[in-house]
Amino acid sequence: MATVADPAPAKKSRNSRKALKQKNEIVEPTLSPVSVKVKDAKSFEKELMKMQAMLENMKIEKEKTEDLLKEKDEILKKKEEELETKDVEQEKLKVELKKLQNMKEFKPNMVTIS
C-alpha cells in the first residue's frame, strides 16, 4: 500500500518585507448611511428654507411693483383727463374765434411789444 506523504513545506521567501505605505494618504472617514441621510435631509431643509424666504421676498416685491404701477396708472389717467378737458376748451375757443371772425364787427388789433 502506498502511504500518503505529507506535502513538502513551501520555501520561505527571503524577502518577507512589506511595501511601505504612502505617508500622505487621504483617508475619507466612512459615514454611516444614517448620518449621510441626516446630513442630506438637513441640507435639503436649509435649501428649502432659503427657497421659501426667496419666494416670500419675491411676493413682497411683486406687491410693491403692482402698487407702484397702480399709482402710475392713476396719474396717467388724471393727465389724460386733463388733456381731454383742455382739448375740449381749445375747440370751444376755436369755434368762438371763428364766430367772431365771421362777424363784420371783428377787427383784430395787432400790438407788438418791443
N, C-alpha and C. Protein backbone atom coordinates (compact mmCIF):
# COMPACT_ATOMS: atom_id res chain seq x y z
N MET A 1 0.80 -1.16 0.00
CA MET A 1 0.00 0.00 0.00
C MET A 1 0.85 1.24 0.00
N ALA A 2 0.29 2.15 -0.64
CA ALA A 2 1.04 3.39 -0.75
C ALA A 2 0.63 4.30 0.39
N THR A 3 1.55 4.89 0.95
CA THR A 3 1.25 5.83 2.03
C THR A 3 1.28 7.23 1.46
N VAL A 4 0.39 8.00 1.98
CA VAL A 4 0.32 9.38 1.51
C VAL A 4 1.34 10.17 2.32
N ALA A 5 2.18 10.79 1.58
CA ALA A 5 3.21 11.56 2.25
C ALA A 5 2.74 12.99 2.45
N ASP A 6 3.19 13.59 3.51
CA ASP A 6 2.85 14.99 3.75
C ASP A 6 3.49 15.84 2.67
N PRO A 7 2.74 16.85 2.20
CA PRO A 7 3.34 17.67 1.16
C PRO A 7 4.56 18.40 1.71
N ALA A 8 5.44 18.64 0.83
CA ALA A 8 6.68 19.30 1.22
C ALA A 8 6.38 20.75 1.58
N PRO A 9 6.93 21.24 2.66
CA PRO A 9 6.67 22.63 3.03
C PRO A 9 7.25 23.58 1.99
N ALA A 10 6.48 24.65 1.73
CA ALA A 10 6.92 25.62 0.73
C ALA A 10 8.10 26.39 1.29
N LYS A 11 8.92 26.79 0.38
CA LYS A 11 10.10 27.52 0.82
C LYS A 11 9.68 28.91 1.27
N LYS A 12 10.29 29.34 2.32
CA LYS A 12 10.03 30.66 2.83
C LYS A 12 10.81 31.65 1.99
N SER A 13 10.12 32.72 1.57
CA SER A 13 10.84 33.67 0.75
C SER A 13 11.77 34.48 1.63
N ARG A 14 12.88 34.82 1.05
CA ARG A 14 13.86 35.57 1.82
C ARG A 14 13.39 37.01 2.04
N ASN A 15 12.61 37.53 1.12
CA ASN A 15 12.17 38.91 1.20
C ASN A 15 10.78 38.94 1.84
N SER A 16 10.71 39.01 3.15
CA SER A 16 9.43 39.00 3.84
C SER A 16 8.98 40.41 4.22
N ARG A 17 9.62 41.40 3.69
CA ARG A 17 9.24 42.78 3.98
C ARG A 17 8.00 43.18 3.17
N LYS A 18 7.22 44.04 3.79
CA LYS A 18 6.04 44.56 3.10
C LYS A 18 6.39 45.93 2.53
N ALA A 19 5.63 46.33 1.50
CA ALA A 19 5.87 47.64 0.89
C ALA A 19 5.49 48.73 1.88
N LEU A 20 6.22 49.83 1.83
CA LEU A 20 5.94 50.96 2.71
C LEU A 20 4.64 51.64 2.27
N LYS A 21 3.89 52.13 3.25
CA LYS A 21 2.67 52.85 2.93
C LYS A 21 3.01 54.29 2.62
N GLN A 22 2.18 54.90 1.80
CA GLN A 22 2.39 56.31 1.50
C GLN A 22 2.08 57.13 2.74
N LYS A 23 2.89 58.16 2.99
CA LYS A 23 2.71 58.96 4.19
C LYS A 23 1.52 59.91 4.06
N ASN A 24 1.32 60.49 2.89
CA ASN A 24 0.27 61.50 2.69
C ASN A 24 -0.97 60.88 2.07
N GLU A 25 -1.42 59.86 2.65
CA GLU A 25 -2.60 59.19 2.12
C GLU A 25 -3.85 59.86 2.68
N ILE A 26 -4.78 60.19 1.80
CA ILE A 26 -6.01 60.84 2.21
C ILE A 26 -7.01 59.76 2.58
N VAL A 27 -7.43 59.83 3.82
CA VAL A 27 -8.37 58.83 4.29
C VAL A 27 -9.69 59.54 4.55
N GLU A 28 -10.71 59.15 3.80
CA GLU A 28 -12.02 59.73 4.00
C GLU A 28 -12.74 58.94 5.07
N PRO A 29 -13.29 59.64 6.04
CA PRO A 29 -13.99 58.91 7.09
C PRO A 29 -15.25 58.29 6.50
N THR A 30 -15.46 57.09 6.85
CA THR A 30 -16.65 56.41 6.34
C THR A 30 -17.83 56.81 7.21
N LEU A 31 -18.84 57.37 6.57
CA LEU A 31 -20.03 57.81 7.28
C LEU A 31 -21.07 56.71 7.20
N SER A 32 -21.74 56.55 8.28
CA SER A 32 -22.79 55.53 8.26
C SER A 32 -23.93 56.03 7.39
N PRO A 33 -24.69 55.14 6.79
CA PRO A 33 -25.79 55.56 5.92
C PRO A 33 -26.81 56.45 6.65
N VAL A 34 -26.98 56.26 7.93
CA VAL A 34 -27.94 57.07 8.69
C VAL A 34 -27.44 58.50 8.77
N SER A 35 -26.14 58.69 9.06
CA SER A 35 -25.62 60.05 9.17
C SER A 35 -25.63 60.74 7.81
N VAL A 36 -25.43 60.00 6.74
CA VAL A 36 -25.49 60.58 5.39
C VAL A 36 -26.91 61.06 5.10
N LYS A 37 -27.89 60.25 5.47
CA LYS A 37 -29.29 60.62 5.24
C LYS A 37 -29.66 61.86 6.06
N VAL A 38 -29.19 61.92 7.30
CA VAL A 38 -29.48 63.07 8.16
C VAL A 38 -28.84 64.31 7.58
N LYS A 39 -27.59 64.18 7.11
CA LYS A 39 -26.88 65.31 6.52
C LYS A 39 -27.61 65.79 5.27
N ASP A 40 -28.03 64.85 4.42
CA ASP A 40 -28.77 65.21 3.21
C ASP A 40 -30.09 65.89 3.56
N ALA A 41 -30.77 65.38 4.57
CA ALA A 41 -32.05 65.95 4.98
C ALA A 41 -31.85 67.37 5.49
N LYS A 42 -30.79 67.59 6.26
CA LYS A 42 -30.53 68.93 6.79
C LYS A 42 -30.19 69.90 5.67
N SER A 43 -29.37 69.46 4.72
CA SER A 43 -29.01 70.36 3.61
C SER A 43 -30.25 70.64 2.75
N PHE A 44 -31.08 69.63 2.56
CA PHE A 44 -32.32 69.83 1.80
C PHE A 44 -33.23 70.80 2.54
N GLU A 45 -33.31 70.66 3.86
CA GLU A 45 -34.15 71.54 4.66
C GLU A 45 -33.65 72.98 4.59
N LYS A 46 -32.33 73.16 4.66
CA LYS A 46 -31.75 74.50 4.55
C LYS A 46 -32.06 75.11 3.19
N GLU A 47 -31.89 74.31 2.16
CA GLU A 47 -32.16 74.80 0.80
C GLU A 47 -33.63 75.15 0.64
N LEU A 48 -34.50 74.33 1.20
CA LEU A 48 -35.93 74.58 1.14
C LEU A 48 -36.28 75.89 1.85
N MET A 49 -35.68 76.12 3.00
CA MET A 49 -35.94 77.35 3.74
C MET A 49 -35.45 78.57 2.97
N LYS A 50 -34.29 78.45 2.32
CA LYS A 50 -33.78 79.55 1.50
C LYS A 50 -34.74 79.86 0.36
N MET A 51 -35.23 78.81 -0.28
CA MET A 51 -36.15 78.99 -1.40
C MET A 51 -37.45 79.64 -0.93
N GLN A 52 -37.95 79.22 0.24
CA GLN A 52 -39.19 79.81 0.77
C GLN A 52 -38.99 81.28 1.09
N ALA A 53 -37.84 81.62 1.69
CA ALA A 53 -37.56 83.02 2.00
C ALA A 53 -37.46 83.84 0.72
N MET A 54 -36.80 83.28 -0.29
CA MET A 54 -36.67 83.98 -1.57
C MET A 54 -38.05 84.17 -2.21
N LEU A 55 -38.89 83.16 -2.13
CA LEU A 55 -40.24 83.26 -2.68
C LEU A 55 -41.04 84.34 -1.96
N GLU A 56 -40.92 84.39 -0.64
CA GLU A 56 -41.62 85.42 0.14
C GLU A 56 -41.14 86.82 -0.26
N ASN A 57 -39.83 86.97 -0.41
CA ASN A 57 -39.28 88.27 -0.84
C ASN A 57 -39.79 88.65 -2.22
N MET A 58 -39.89 87.68 -3.10
CA MET A 58 -40.38 87.95 -4.45
C MET A 58 -41.86 88.37 -4.41
N LYS A 59 -42.65 87.74 -3.53
CA LYS A 59 -44.06 88.12 -3.40
C LYS A 59 -44.19 89.55 -2.91
N ILE A 60 -43.38 89.92 -1.92
CA ILE A 60 -43.41 91.28 -1.38
C ILE A 60 -43.02 92.28 -2.46
N GLU A 61 -41.96 91.94 -3.20
CA GLU A 61 -41.50 92.82 -4.28
C GLU A 61 -42.57 92.96 -5.36
N LYS A 62 -43.26 91.87 -5.67
CA LYS A 62 -44.33 91.90 -6.67
C LYS A 62 -45.45 92.83 -6.23
N GLU A 63 -45.84 92.74 -4.94
CA GLU A 63 -46.89 93.61 -4.43
C GLU A 63 -46.48 95.08 -4.51
N LYS A 64 -45.23 95.37 -4.15
CA LYS A 64 -44.75 96.76 -4.23
C LYS A 64 -44.79 97.26 -5.67
N THR A 65 -44.36 96.41 -6.59
CA THR A 65 -44.35 96.79 -8.00
C THR A 65 -45.77 97.03 -8.50
N GLU A 66 -46.70 96.16 -8.10
CA GLU A 66 -48.09 96.34 -8.52
C GLU A 66 -48.67 97.64 -7.97
N ASP A 67 -48.34 97.96 -6.71
CA ASP A 67 -48.82 99.22 -6.13
C ASP A 67 -48.27 100.42 -6.90
N LEU A 68 -46.97 100.37 -7.22
CA LEU A 68 -46.37 101.46 -7.99
C LEU A 68 -47.03 101.61 -9.36
N LEU A 69 -47.29 100.48 -10.00
CA LEU A 69 -47.94 100.53 -11.31
C LEU A 69 -49.35 101.10 -11.22
N LYS A 70 -50.08 100.75 -10.16
CA LYS A 70 -51.42 101.31 -9.98
C LYS A 70 -51.36 102.82 -9.81
N GLU A 71 -50.40 103.28 -8.99
CA GLU A 71 -50.25 104.72 -8.77
C GLU A 71 -49.92 105.43 -10.08
N LYS A 72 -49.00 104.88 -10.84
CA LYS A 72 -48.62 105.50 -12.12
C LYS A 72 -49.80 105.49 -13.08
N ASP A 73 -50.58 104.41 -13.07
CA ASP A 73 -51.75 104.33 -13.94
C ASP A 73 -52.77 105.41 -13.58
N GLU A 74 -52.97 105.63 -12.28
CA GLU A 74 -53.89 106.68 -11.84
C GLU A 74 -53.40 108.05 -12.28
N ILE A 75 -52.11 108.28 -12.14
CA ILE A 75 -51.53 109.57 -12.55
C ILE A 75 -51.73 109.78 -14.05
N LEU A 76 -51.49 108.73 -14.83
CA LEU A 76 -51.67 108.84 -16.28
C LEU A 76 -53.13 109.10 -16.64
N LYS A 77 -54.05 108.46 -15.94
CA LYS A 77 -55.47 108.70 -16.21
C LYS A 77 -55.85 110.14 -15.92
N LYS A 78 -55.34 110.68 -14.80
CA LYS A 78 -55.63 112.08 -14.46
C LYS A 78 -55.07 113.01 -15.53
N LYS A 79 -53.86 112.76 -15.96
CA LYS A 79 -53.26 113.60 -17.00
C LYS A 79 -54.04 113.51 -18.30
N GLU A 80 -54.49 112.30 -18.63
CA GLU A 80 -55.28 112.12 -19.85
C GLU A 80 -56.59 112.90 -19.76
N GLU A 81 -57.24 112.86 -18.60
CA GLU A 81 -58.48 113.62 -18.41
C GLU A 81 -58.22 115.12 -18.54
N GLU A 82 -57.11 115.58 -17.95
CA GLU A 82 -56.76 117.00 -18.06
C GLU A 82 -56.55 117.40 -19.51
N LEU A 83 -55.85 116.55 -20.26
CA LEU A 83 -55.61 116.85 -21.67
C LEU A 83 -56.92 116.88 -22.45
N GLU A 84 -57.83 115.97 -22.14
CA GLU A 84 -59.11 115.95 -22.83
C GLU A 84 -59.91 117.21 -22.53
N THR A 85 -59.92 117.64 -21.28
CA THR A 85 -60.66 118.87 -20.94
C THR A 85 -60.01 120.08 -21.60
N LYS A 86 -58.69 120.10 -21.65
CA LYS A 86 -58.01 121.21 -22.33
C LYS A 86 -58.34 121.21 -23.82
N ASP A 87 -58.39 120.01 -24.39
CA ASP A 87 -58.72 119.89 -25.82
C ASP A 87 -60.13 120.40 -26.09
N VAL A 88 -61.06 120.03 -25.22
CA VAL A 88 -62.45 120.48 -25.38
C VAL A 88 -62.51 122.00 -25.26
N GLU A 89 -61.82 122.56 -24.29
CA GLU A 89 -61.80 124.02 -24.12
C GLU A 89 -61.19 124.71 -25.34
N GLN A 90 -60.12 124.13 -25.85
CA GLN A 90 -59.47 124.71 -27.03
C GLN A 90 -60.42 124.68 -28.23
N GLU A 91 -61.13 123.59 -28.40
CA GLU A 91 -62.10 123.51 -29.51
C GLU A 91 -63.19 124.57 -29.34
N LYS A 92 -63.66 124.75 -28.13
CA LYS A 92 -64.68 125.78 -27.89
C LYS A 92 -64.14 127.16 -28.25
N LEU A 93 -62.90 127.42 -27.85
CA LEU A 93 -62.30 128.72 -28.17
C LEU A 93 -62.13 128.91 -29.67
N LYS A 94 -61.77 127.85 -30.38
CA LYS A 94 -61.63 127.94 -31.84
C LYS A 94 -62.97 128.27 -32.48
N VAL A 95 -64.01 127.60 -32.02
CA VAL A 95 -65.34 127.85 -32.57
C VAL A 95 -65.75 129.30 -32.29
N GLU A 96 -65.50 129.75 -31.09
CA GLU A 96 -65.84 131.13 -30.74
C GLU A 96 -65.04 132.12 -31.58
N LEU A 97 -63.77 131.83 -31.80
CA LEU A 97 -62.93 132.70 -32.63
C LEU A 97 -63.46 132.77 -34.05
N LYS A 98 -63.86 131.65 -34.61
CA LYS A 98 -64.41 131.64 -35.97
C LYS A 98 -65.70 132.45 -36.04
N LYS A 99 -66.52 132.34 -35.01
CA LYS A 99 -67.75 133.13 -34.99
C LYS A 99 -67.42 134.62 -35.00
N LEU A 100 -66.45 134.97 -34.18
CA LEU A 100 -66.06 136.38 -34.11
C LEU A 100 -65.45 136.86 -35.42
N GLN A 101 -64.69 136.01 -36.07
CA GLN A 101 -64.08 136.39 -37.35
C GLN A 101 -65.16 136.58 -38.41
N ASN A 102 -66.19 135.79 -38.35
CA ASN A 102 -67.26 135.90 -39.33
C ASN A 102 -68.12 137.15 -39.10
N MET A 103 -68.09 137.64 -37.93
CA MET A 103 -68.86 138.86 -37.67
C MET A 103 -68.17 140.04 -38.35
N LYS A 104 -68.95 140.98 -38.83
CA LYS A 104 -68.39 142.12 -39.54
C LYS A 104 -67.70 143.07 -38.59
N GLU A 105 -68.11 143.03 -37.35
CA GLU A 105 -67.57 143.98 -36.40
C GLU A 105 -66.17 143.61 -35.93
N PHE A 106 -65.79 142.39 -36.16
CA PHE A 106 -64.50 141.94 -35.64
C PHE A 106 -63.35 142.55 -36.42
N LYS A 107 -62.52 143.28 -35.74
CA LYS A 107 -61.34 143.85 -36.36
C LYS A 107 -60.16 143.52 -35.45
N PRO A 108 -59.34 142.64 -35.86
CA PRO A 108 -58.21 142.28 -34.99
C PRO A 108 -57.20 143.41 -34.89
N ASN A 109 -56.77 143.68 -33.72
CA ASN A 109 -55.73 144.68 -33.49
C ASN A 109 -54.46 143.96 -33.08
N MET A 110 -53.43 144.18 -33.83
CA MET A 110 -52.15 143.56 -33.51
C MET A 110 -51.30 144.60 -32.81
N VAL A 111 -50.87 144.28 -31.66
CA VAL A 111 -50.00 145.18 -30.92
C VAL A 111 -48.69 144.45 -30.72
N THR A 112 -47.63 145.08 -31.18
CA THR A 112 -46.31 144.47 -31.00
C THR A 112 -45.60 145.17 -29.87
N ILE A 113 -45.06 144.41 -29.00
CA ILE A 113 -44.32 144.97 -27.87
C ILE A 113 -42.85 144.74 -28.13
N SER A 114 -42.08 145.86 -28.05
CA SER A 114 -40.66 145.73 -28.31
C SER A 114 -39.87 145.94 -27.05
